[in-house]
PDB file of all heavy atoms in Angstrom:
ATOM      1  N   LEU A   1      72.508   2.260 -25.317  1.00  0.00           N
ATOM      2  CA  LEU A   1      71.365   3.062 -25.364  1.00  0.00           C
ATOM      3  C   LEU A   1      70.622   2.828 -26.729  1.00  0.00           C
ATOM      4  O   LEU A   1      69.441   3.037 -26.824  1.00  0.00           O
ATOM      5  CB  LEU A   1      71.662   4.462 -25.262  1.00  0.00           C
ATOM      6  CG  LEU A   1      72.090   5.026 -23.954  1.00  0.00           C
ATOM      7  CD1 LEU A   1      72.678   6.474 -24.114  1.00  0.00           C
ATOM      8  CD2 LEU A   1      70.920   5.113 -22.995  1.00  0.00           C
ATOM      9  N   ASN A   2      71.397   2.133 -27.717  1.00  0.00           N
ATOM     10  CA  ASN A   2      70.888   2.036 -29.004  1.00  0.00           C
ATOM     11  C   ASN A   2      69.868   0.786 -29.026  1.00  0.00           C
ATOM     12  O   ASN A   2      69.944  -0.069 -28.126  1.00  0.00           O
ATOM     13  CB  ASN A   2      71.985   1.771 -29.977  1.00  0.00           C
ATOM     14  CG  ASN A   2      71.576   1.782 -31.417  1.00  0.00           C
ATOM     15  OD1 ASN A   2      70.642   2.542 -31.798  1.00  0.00           O
ATOM     16  ND2 ASN A   2      72.112   0.998 -32.299  1.00  0.00           N
ATOM     17  N   SER A   3      68.972   0.904 -30.006  1.00  0.00           N
ATOM     18  CA  SER A   3      67.984  -0.148 -30.127  1.00  0.00           C
ATOM     19  C   SER A   3      67.355  -0.114 -31.517  1.00  0.00           C
ATOM     20  O   SER A   3      67.649   0.880 -32.306  1.00  0.00           O
ATOM     21  CB  SER A   3      66.871  -0.085 -29.114  1.00  0.00           C
ATOM     22  OG  SER A   3      66.046   1.003 -29.389  1.00  0.00           O
ATOM     23  N   LYS A   4      66.519  -1.060 -31.887  1.00  0.00           N
ATOM     24  CA  LYS A   4      65.907  -1.091 -33.213  1.00  0.00           C
ATOM     25  C   LYS A   4      64.904   0.090 -33.331  1.00  0.00           C
ATOM     26  O   LYS A   4      64.472   0.387 -34.378  1.00  0.00           O
ATOM     27  CB  LYS A   4      65.154  -2.430 -33.429  1.00  0.00           C
ATOM     28  CG  LYS A   4      66.129  -3.573 -33.534  1.00  0.00           C
ATOM     29  CD  LYS A   4      65.395  -4.859 -33.836  1.00  0.00           C
ATOM     30  CE  LYS A   4      66.364  -6.017 -34.050  1.00  0.00           C
ATOM     31  NZ  LYS A   4      65.646  -7.361 -34.263  1.00  0.00           N
ATOM     32  N   GLN A   5      64.512   0.704 -32.181  1.00  0.00           N
ATOM     33  CA  GLN A   5      63.583   1.813 -32.076  1.00  0.00           C
ATOM     34  C   GLN A   5      64.270   3.098 -32.916  1.00  0.00           C
ATOM     35  O   GLN A   5      63.476   3.961 -33.402  1.00  0.00           O
ATOM     36  CB  GLN A   5      63.271   2.226 -30.682  1.00  0.00           C
ATOM     37  CG  GLN A   5      62.454   3.393 -30.476  1.00  0.00           C
ATOM     38  CD  GLN A   5      62.371   3.833 -28.986  1.00  0.00           C
ATOM     39  OE1 GLN A   5      63.003   3.193 -28.200  1.00  0.00           O
ATOM     40  NE2 GLN A   5      61.512   4.808 -28.788  1.00  0.00           N
ATOM     41  N   VAL A   6      65.552   3.032 -32.859  1.00  0.00           N
ATOM     42  CA  VAL A   6      66.362   4.232 -33.378  1.00  0.00           C
ATOM     43  C   VAL A   6      66.738   3.988 -34.924  1.00  0.00           C
ATOM     44  O   VAL A   6      67.372   2.953 -35.191  1.00  0.00           O
ATOM     45  CB  VAL A   6      67.573   4.617 -32.650  1.00  0.00           C
ATOM     46  CG1 VAL A   6      68.335   5.728 -33.225  1.00  0.00           C
ATOM     47  CG2 VAL A   6      67.215   4.709 -31.134  1.00  0.00           C
ATOM     48  N   GLN A   7      66.242   4.792 -35.811  1.00  0.00           N
ATOM     49  CA  GLN A   7      66.623   4.616 -37.146  1.00  0.00           C
ATOM     50  C   GLN A   7      67.651   5.704 -37.485  1.00  0.00           C
ATOM     51  O   GLN A   7      67.391   6.945 -37.529  1.00  0.00           O
ATOM     52  CB  GLN A   7      65.419   4.816 -38.152  1.00  0.00           C
ATOM     53  CG  GLN A   7      64.331   3.884 -37.783  1.00  0.00           C
ATOM     54  CD  GLN A   7      63.023   4.190 -38.561  1.00  0.00           C
ATOM     55  OE1 GLN A   7      62.864   5.188 -39.253  1.00  0.00           O
ATOM     56  NE2 GLN A   7      61.904   3.332 -38.377  1.00  0.00           N
ATOM     57  N   TRP A   8      68.914   5.240 -37.702  1.00  0.00           N
ATOM     58  CA  TRP A   8      70.089   6.203 -37.896  1.00  0.00           C
ATOM     59  C   TRP A   8      70.015   6.727 -39.316  1.00  0.00           C
ATOM     60  O   TRP A   8      69.928   5.972 -40.231  1.00  0.00           O
ATOM     61  CB  TRP A   8      71.365   5.514 -37.543  1.00  0.00           C
ATOM     62  CG  TRP A   8      71.551   5.193 -36.203  1.00  0.00           C
ATOM     63  CD1 TRP A   8      71.046   4.025 -35.431  1.00  0.00           C
ATOM     64  CD2 TRP A   8      72.132   5.995 -35.056  1.00  0.00           C
ATOM     65  NE1 TRP A   8      71.345   4.034 -34.108  1.00  0.00           N
ATOM     66  CE2 TRP A   8      71.948   5.197 -33.837  1.00  0.00           C
ATOM     67  CE3 TRP A   8      72.844   7.182 -35.144  1.00  0.00           C
ATOM     68  CZ2 TRP A   8      72.563   5.830 -32.678  1.00  0.00           C
ATOM     69  CZ3 TRP A   8      73.344   7.676 -34.029  1.00  0.00           C
ATOM     70  CH2 TRP A   8      73.203   6.980 -32.769  1.00  0.00           C
ATOM     71  N   ARG A   9      70.203   7.990 -39.372  1.00  0.00           N
ATOM     72  CA  ARG A   9      70.299   8.628 -40.698  1.00  0.00           C
ATOM     73  C   ARG A   9      71.474   9.645 -40.803  1.00  0.00           C
ATOM     74  O   ARG A   9      71.824  10.252 -39.816  1.00  0.00           O
ATOM     75  CB  ARG A   9      68.944   9.540 -40.844  1.00  0.00           C
ATOM     76  CG  ARG A   9      67.674   8.792 -40.747  1.00  0.00           C
ATOM     77  CD  ARG A   9      67.299   7.985 -42.044  1.00  0.00           C
ATOM     78  NE  ARG A   9      66.067   7.389 -42.056  1.00  0.00           N
ATOM     79  CZ  ARG A   9      65.805   6.106 -41.796  1.00  0.00           C
ATOM     80  NH1 ARG A   9      66.716   5.255 -41.438  1.00  0.00           N
ATOM     81  NH2 ARG A   9      64.495   5.677 -41.864  1.00  0.00           N
ATOM     82  N   TYR A  10      72.089   9.644 -41.968  1.00  0.00           N
ATOM     83  CA  TYR A  10      73.199  10.610 -42.119  1.00  0.00           C
ATOM     84  C   TYR A  10      72.707  11.810 -42.895  1.00  0.00           C
ATOM     85  O   TYR A  10      71.854  11.697 -43.864  1.00  0.00           O
ATOM     86  CB  TYR A  10      74.225   9.931 -43.085  1.00  0.00           C
ATOM     87  CG  TYR A  10      75.378  10.910 -43.548  1.00  0.00           C
ATOM     88  CD1 TYR A  10      76.317  11.297 -42.578  1.00  0.00           C
ATOM     89  CD2 TYR A  10      75.360  11.411 -44.813  1.00  0.00           C
ATOM     90  CE1 TYR A  10      77.212  12.236 -42.996  1.00  0.00           C
ATOM     91  CE2 TYR A  10      76.388  12.315 -45.232  1.00  0.00           C
ATOM     92  CZ  TYR A  10      77.280  12.688 -44.313  1.00  0.00           C
ATOM     93  OH  TYR A  10      78.268  13.652 -44.674  1.00  0.00           O
ATOM     94  N   VAL A  11      73.014  12.944 -42.428  1.00  0.00           N
ATOM     95  CA  VAL A  11      72.701  14.202 -43.117  1.00  0.00           C
ATOM     96  C   VAL A  11      73.892  15.023 -43.371  1.00  0.00           C
ATOM     97  O   VAL A  11      74.914  15.124 -42.549  1.00  0.00           O
ATOM     98  CB  VAL A  11      71.708  15.115 -42.155  1.00  0.00           C
ATOM     99  CG1 VAL A  11      72.270  15.397 -40.791  1.00  0.00           C
ATOM    100  CG2 VAL A  11      71.322  16.330 -43.015  1.00  0.00           C
ATOM    101  N   ARG A  12      74.098  15.524 -44.545  1.00  0.00           N
ATOM    102  CA  ARG A  12      75.253  16.286 -44.879  1.00  0.00           C
ATOM    103  C   ARG A  12      75.357  17.619 -44.073  1.00  0.00           C
ATOM    104  O   ARG A  12      74.359  18.241 -44.051  1.00  0.00           O
ATOM    105  CB  ARG A  12      75.352  16.586 -46.305  1.00  0.00           C
ATOM    106  CG  ARG A  12      76.628  17.266 -46.854  1.00  0.00           C
ATOM    107  CD  ARG A  12      76.645  17.509 -48.355  1.00  0.00           C
ATOM    108  NE  ARG A  12      76.496  16.198 -49.024  1.00  0.00           N
ATOM    109  CZ  ARG A  12      77.618  15.474 -49.339  1.00  0.00           C
ATOM    110  NH1 ARG A  12      78.889  15.896 -48.929  1.00  0.00           N
ATOM    111  NH2 ARG A  12      77.460  14.357 -49.972  1.00  0.00           N
ATOM    112  N   GLY A  13      76.533  17.825 -43.503  1.00  0.00           N
ATOM    113  CA  GLY A  13      76.584  19.059 -42.693  1.00  0.00           C
ATOM    114  C   GLY A  13      76.836  20.195 -43.462  1.00  0.00           C
ATOM    115  O   GLY A  13      77.302  20.220 -44.704  1.00  0.00           O
ATOM    116  N   HIS A  14      76.334  21.495 -43.072  1.00  0.00           N
ATOM    117  CA  HIS A  14      76.514  22.704 -43.663  1.00  0.00           C
ATOM    118  C   HIS A  14      75.810  22.635 -45.008  1.00  0.00           C
ATOM    119  O   HIS A  14      76.395  23.256 -45.930  1.00  0.00           O
ATOM    120  CB  HIS A  14      77.865  23.139 -43.719  1.00  0.00           C
ATOM    121  CG  HIS A  14      78.725  23.028 -42.456  1.00  0.00           C
ATOM    122  ND1 HIS A  14      78.360  23.827 -41.307  1.00  0.00           N
ATOM    123  CD2 HIS A  14      79.638  22.099 -41.956  1.00  0.00           C
ATOM    124  CE1 HIS A  14      79.173  23.490 -40.359  1.00  0.00           C
ATOM    125  NE2 HIS A  14      79.973  22.374 -40.702  1.00  0.00           N
ATOM    126  N   ALA A  15      74.647  21.988 -45.178  1.00  0.00           N
ATOM    127  CA  ALA A  15      74.035  22.026 -46.446  1.00  0.00           C
ATOM    128  C   ALA A  15      72.655  22.579 -46.401  1.00  0.00           C
ATOM    129  O   ALA A  15      71.855  22.365 -47.345  1.00  0.00           O
ATOM    130  CB  ALA A  15      73.975  20.556 -46.896  1.00  0.00           C
ATOM    131  N   GLY A  16      72.394  23.366 -45.355  1.00  0.00           N
ATOM    132  CA  GLY A  16      71.114  24.085 -45.213  1.00  0.00           C
ATOM    133  C   GLY A  16      70.004  23.256 -44.545  1.00  0.00           C
ATOM    134  O   GLY A  16      68.927  23.907 -44.455  1.00  0.00           O
ATOM    135  N   ASN A  17      70.251  22.134 -43.988  1.00  0.00           N
ATOM    136  CA  ASN A  17      69.217  21.391 -43.245  1.00  0.00           C
ATOM    137  C   ASN A  17      69.002  22.167 -41.863  1.00  0.00           C
ATOM    138  O   ASN A  17      69.980  22.395 -41.069  1.00  0.00           O
ATOM    139  CB  ASN A  17      69.681  20.089 -43.009  1.00  0.00           C
ATOM    140  CG  ASN A  17      68.712  19.213 -42.173  1.00  0.00           C
ATOM    141  OD1 ASN A  17      68.517  19.413 -41.009  1.00  0.00           O
ATOM    142  ND2 ASN A  17      67.990  18.329 -42.883  1.00  0.00           N
ATOM    143  N   VAL A  18      67.794  22.488 -41.618  1.00  0.00           N
ATOM    144  CA  VAL A  18      67.517  23.393 -40.432  1.00  0.00           C
ATOM    145  C   VAL A  18      67.876  22.646 -39.143  1.00  0.00           C
ATOM    146  O   VAL A  18      68.554  23.362 -38.290  1.00  0.00           O
ATOM    147  CB  VAL A  18      65.964  23.792 -40.389  1.00  0.00           C
ATOM    148  CG1 VAL A  18      65.712  24.524 -39.145  1.00  0.00           C
ATOM    149  CG2 VAL A  18      65.666  24.553 -41.647  1.00  0.00           C
ATOM    150  N   GLY A  19      67.554  21.423 -38.927  1.00  0.00           N
ATOM    151  CA  GLY A  19      67.918  20.736 -37.708  1.00  0.00           C
ATOM    152  C   GLY A  19      69.396  20.664 -37.530  1.00  0.00           C
ATOM    153  O   GLY A  19      69.897  20.889 -36.538  1.00  0.00           O
ATOM    154  N   ASN A  20      70.098  20.289 -38.644  1.00  0.00           N
ATOM    155  CA  ASN A  20      71.633  20.181 -38.555  1.00  0.00           C
ATOM    156  C   ASN A  20      72.225  21.508 -38.197  1.00  0.00           C
ATOM    157  O   ASN A  20      73.231  21.594 -37.422  1.00  0.00           O
ATOM    158  CB  ASN A  20      72.024  19.547 -39.860  1.00  0.00           C
ATOM    159  CG  ASN A  20      73.642  19.456 -39.777  1.00  0.00           C
ATOM    160  OD1 ASN A  20      74.230  20.324 -40.597  1.00  0.00           O
ATOM    161  ND2 ASN A  20      74.128  18.503 -39.179  1.00  0.00           N
ATOM    162  N   GLU A  21      71.743  22.545 -38.884  1.00  0.00           N
ATOM    163  CA  GLU A  21      72.360  23.863 -38.790  1.00  0.00           C
ATOM    164  C   GLU A  21      72.162  24.339 -37.358  1.00  0.00           C
ATOM    165  O   GLU A  21      73.072  25.019 -36.739  1.00  0.00           O
ATOM    166  CB  GLU A  21      71.756  24.814 -39.737  1.00  0.00           C
ATOM    167  CG  GLU A  21      72.081  24.542 -41.131  1.00  0.00           C
ATOM    168  CD  GLU A  21      73.472  24.757 -41.650  1.00  0.00           C
ATOM    169  OE1 GLU A  21      74.370  25.302 -40.705  1.00  0.00           O
ATOM    170  OE2 GLU A  21      73.878  24.427 -42.706  1.00  0.00           O
ATOM    171  N   ARG A  22      71.102  24.062 -36.765  1.00  0.00           N
ATOM    172  CA  ARG A  22      70.709  24.526 -35.455  1.00  0.00           C
ATOM    173  C   ARG A  22      71.644  23.780 -34.412  1.00  0.00           C
ATOM    174  O   ARG A  22      72.185  24.380 -33.485  1.00  0.00           O
ATOM    175  CB  ARG A  22      69.239  24.242 -35.079  1.00  0.00           C
ATOM    176  CG  ARG A  22      68.873  24.737 -33.595  1.00  0.00           C
ATOM    177  CD  ARG A  22      69.257  26.091 -33.285  1.00  0.00           C
ATOM    178  NE  ARG A  22      68.989  26.432 -31.926  1.00  0.00           N
ATOM    179  CZ  ARG A  22      69.533  27.446 -31.252  1.00  0.00           C
ATOM    180  NH1 ARG A  22      70.314  28.295 -31.676  1.00  0.00           N
ATOM    181  NH2 ARG A  22      69.152  27.646 -29.979  1.00  0.00           N
ATOM    182  N   CYS A  23      71.786  22.485 -34.619  1.00  0.00           N
ATOM    183  CA  CYS A  23      72.700  21.762 -33.765  1.00  0.00           C
ATOM    184  C   CYS A  23      74.144  22.199 -33.757  1.00  0.00           C
ATOM    185  O   CYS A  23      74.787  22.420 -32.865  1.00  0.00           O
ATOM    186  CB  CYS A  23      72.696  20.232 -34.147  1.00  0.00           C
ATOM    187  SG  CYS A  23      71.219  19.438 -33.656  1.00  0.00           S
ATOM    188  N   ASP A  24      74.610  22.536 -35.027  1.00  0.00           N
ATOM    189  CA  ASP A  24      75.924  23.083 -35.273  1.00  0.00           C
ATOM    190  C   ASP A  24      76.042  24.443 -34.480  1.00  0.00           C
ATOM    191  O   ASP A  24      77.155  24.705 -33.796  1.00  0.00           O
ATOM    192  CB  ASP A  24      76.170  23.243 -36.667  1.00  0.00           C
ATOM    193  CG  ASP A  24      77.471  23.888 -37.048  1.00  0.00           C
ATOM    194  OD1 ASP A  24      78.485  23.219 -36.784  1.00  0.00           O
ATOM    195  OD2 ASP A  24      77.649  25.079 -37.466  1.00  0.00           O
ATOM    196  N   THR A  25      75.064  25.255 -34.598  1.00  0.00           N
ATOM    197  CA  THR A  25      75.057  26.537 -33.934  1.00  0.00           C
ATOM    198  C   THR A  25      75.238  26.417 -32.343  1.00  0.00           C
ATOM    199  O   THR A  25      76.085  26.995 -31.727  1.00  0.00           O
ATOM    200  CB  THR A  25      73.740  27.374 -34.237  1.00  0.00           C
ATOM    201  OG1 THR A  25      73.739  27.718 -35.536  1.00  0.00           O
ATOM    202  CG2 THR A  25      73.836  28.703 -33.372  1.00  0.00           C
ATOM    203  N   ILE A  26      74.546  25.484 -31.750  1.00  0.00           N
ATOM    204  CA  ILE A  26      74.540  25.195 -30.392  1.00  0.00           C
ATOM    205  C   ILE A  26      75.957  24.621 -30.000  1.00  0.00           C
ATOM    206  O   ILE A  26      76.566  25.055 -29.069  1.00  0.00           O
ATOM    207  CB  ILE A  26      73.381  24.199 -29.976  1.00  0.00           C
ATOM    208  CG1 ILE A  26      72.106  24.860 -30.212  1.00  0.00           C
ATOM    209  CG2 ILE A  26      73.630  23.718 -28.489  1.00  0.00           C
ATOM    210  CD1 ILE A  26      70.938  23.754 -29.951  1.00  0.00           C
ATOM    211  N   ALA A  27      76.411  23.606 -30.777  1.00  0.00           N
ATOM    212  CA  ALA A  27      77.650  23.069 -30.437  1.00  0.00           C
ATOM    213  C   ALA A  27      78.818  23.897 -30.590  1.00  0.00           C
ATOM    214  O   ALA A  27      79.784  23.947 -29.673  1.00  0.00           O
ATOM    215  CB  ALA A  27      77.904  21.843 -31.416  1.00  0.00           C
ATOM    216  N   ARG A  28      78.809  24.756 -31.568  1.00  0.00           N
ATOM    217  CA  ARG A  28      79.806  25.685 -31.760  1.00  0.00           C
ATOM    218  C   ARG A  28      79.955  26.815 -30.583  1.00  0.00           C
ATOM    219  O   ARG A  28      81.010  27.197 -30.139  1.00  0.00           O
ATOM    220  CB  ARG A  28      79.787  26.435 -33.141  1.00  0.00           C
ATOM    221  CG  ARG A  28      80.162  25.494 -34.315  1.00  0.00           C
ATOM    222  CD  ARG A  28      80.168  26.269 -35.600  1.00  0.00           C
ATOM    223  NE  ARG A  28      80.609  25.435 -36.747  1.00  0.00           N
ATOM    224  CZ  ARG A  28      81.867  25.184 -37.011  1.00  0.00           C
ATOM    225  NH1 ARG A  28      82.852  25.715 -36.353  1.00  0.00           N
ATOM    226  NH2 ARG A  28      82.183  24.338 -37.939  1.00  0.00           N
ATOM    227  N   ALA A  29      78.790  27.163 -30.197  1.00  0.00           N
ATOM    228  CA  ALA A  29      78.709  28.179 -29.162  1.00  0.00           C
ATOM    229  C   ALA A  29      79.325  27.616 -27.970  1.00  0.00           C
ATOM    230  O   ALA A  29      80.169  28.348 -27.242  1.00  0.00           O
ATOM    231  CB  ALA A  29      77.229  28.526 -28.962  1.00  0.00           C
ATOM    232  N   PHE A  30      78.994  26.540 -27.519  1.00  0.00           N
ATOM    233  CA  PHE A  30      79.518  25.746 -26.294  1.00  0.00           C
ATOM    234  C   PHE A  30      81.012  25.544 -26.545  1.00  0.00           C
ATOM    235  O   PHE A  30      81.807  25.732 -25.494  1.00  0.00           O
ATOM    236  CB  PHE A  30      78.928  24.418 -25.994  1.00  0.00           C
ATOM    237  CG  PHE A  30      77.535  24.545 -25.218  1.00  0.00           C
ATOM    238  CD1 PHE A  30      76.419  24.184 -25.734  1.00  0.00           C
ATOM    239  CD2 PHE A  30      77.613  25.069 -23.913  1.00  0.00           C
ATOM    240  CE1 PHE A  30      75.254  24.297 -24.987  1.00  0.00           C
ATOM    241  CE2 PHE A  30      76.486  25.136 -23.155  1.00  0.00           C
ATOM    242  CZ  PHE A  30      75.326  24.718 -23.670  1.00  0.00           C
ATOM    243  N   SER A  31      81.515  25.249 -27.699  1.00  0.00           N
ATOM    244  CA  SER A  31      82.987  25.018 -27.852  1.00  0.00           C
ATOM    245  C   SER A  31      83.819  26.261 -27.696  1.00  0.00           C
ATOM    246  O   SER A  31      84.998  26.218 -27.419  1.00  0.00           O
ATOM    247  CB  SER A  31      83.175  24.421 -29.299  1.00  0.00           C
ATOM    248  OG  SER A  31      83.012  25.398 -30.255  1.00  0.00           O
ATOM    249  N   LEU A  32      83.054  27.487 -27.952  1.00  0.00           N
ATOM    250  CA  LEU A  32      83.780  28.670 -27.800  1.00  0.00           C
ATOM    251  C   LEU A  32      83.510  29.343 -26.401  1.00  0.00           C
ATOM    252  O   LEU A  32      83.752  30.500 -26.182  1.00  0.00           O
ATOM    253  CB  LEU A  32      83.223  29.724 -28.793  1.00  0.00           C
ATOM    254  CG  LEU A  32      83.520  29.264 -30.292  1.00  0.00           C
ATOM    255  CD1 LEU A  32      82.833  30.176 -31.364  1.00  0.00           C
ATOM    256  CD2 LEU A  32      84.987  29.270 -30.570  1.00  0.00           C
ATOM    257  N   GLY A  33      82.970  28.588 -25.503  1.00  0.00           N
ATOM    258  CA  GLY A  33      82.764  29.088 -24.077  1.00  0.00           C
ATOM    259  C   GLY A  33      81.530  29.976 -24.007  1.00  0.00           C
ATOM    260  O   GLY A  33      81.350  30.654 -22.916  1.00  0.00           O
ATOM    261  N   LYS A  34      80.677  29.997 -24.916  1.00  0.00           N
ATOM    262  CA  LYS A  34      79.508  30.785 -24.787  1.00  0.00           C
ATOM    263  C   LYS A  34      78.360  30.011 -24.235  1.00  0.00           C
ATOM    264  O   LYS A  34      78.405  28.801 -24.175  1.00  0.00           O
ATOM    265  CB  LYS A  34      79.165  31.310 -26.143  1.00  0.00           C
ATOM    266  CG  LYS A  34      80.255  32.275 -26.856  1.00  0.00           C
ATOM    267  CD  LYS A  34      79.763  32.682 -28.174  1.00  0.00           C
ATOM    268  CE  LYS A  34      80.837  33.546 -28.863  1.00  0.00           C
ATOM    269  NZ  LYS A  34      80.512  34.031 -30.165  1.00  0.00           N
ATOM    270  N   VAL A  35      77.286  30.688 -23.801  1.00  0.00           N
ATOM    271  CA  VAL A  35      76.016  29.911 -23.257  1.00  0.00           C
ATOM    272  C   VAL A  35      74.986  30.302 -24.297  1.00  0.00           C
ATOM    273  O   VAL A  35      74.298  31.319 -24.171  1.00  0.00           O
ATOM    274  CB  VAL A  35      75.705  30.483 -21.883  1.00  0.00           C
ATOM    275  CG1 VAL A  35      74.580  29.748 -21.325  1.00  0.00           C
ATOM    276  CG2 VAL A  35      77.016  30.359 -20.883  1.00  0.00           C
ATOM    277  N   PRO A  36      74.636  29.417 -25.209  1.00  0.00           N
ATOM    278  CA  PRO A  36      73.588  29.631 -26.052  1.00  0.00           C
ATOM    279  C   PRO A  36      72.165  29.579 -25.486  1.00  0.00           C
ATOM    280  O   PRO A  36      72.014  28.853 -24.502  1.00  0.00           O
ATOM    281  CB  PRO A  36      73.762  28.512 -27.108  1.00  0.00           C
ATOM    282  CG  PRO A  36      74.275  27.426 -26.308  1.00  0.00           C
ATOM    283  CD  PRO A  36      75.309  28.028 -25.403  1.00  0.00           C
TER     284      PRO A  36
END
């Protein structure tokens, strides 16, 4: 699926980045059996 179209970026987790924090909330909810 990867291509030159995709520019991969690293973002530090739990550092206040809105996009990263939202993904973490969704992922954790699913891991706990919840439906976000």
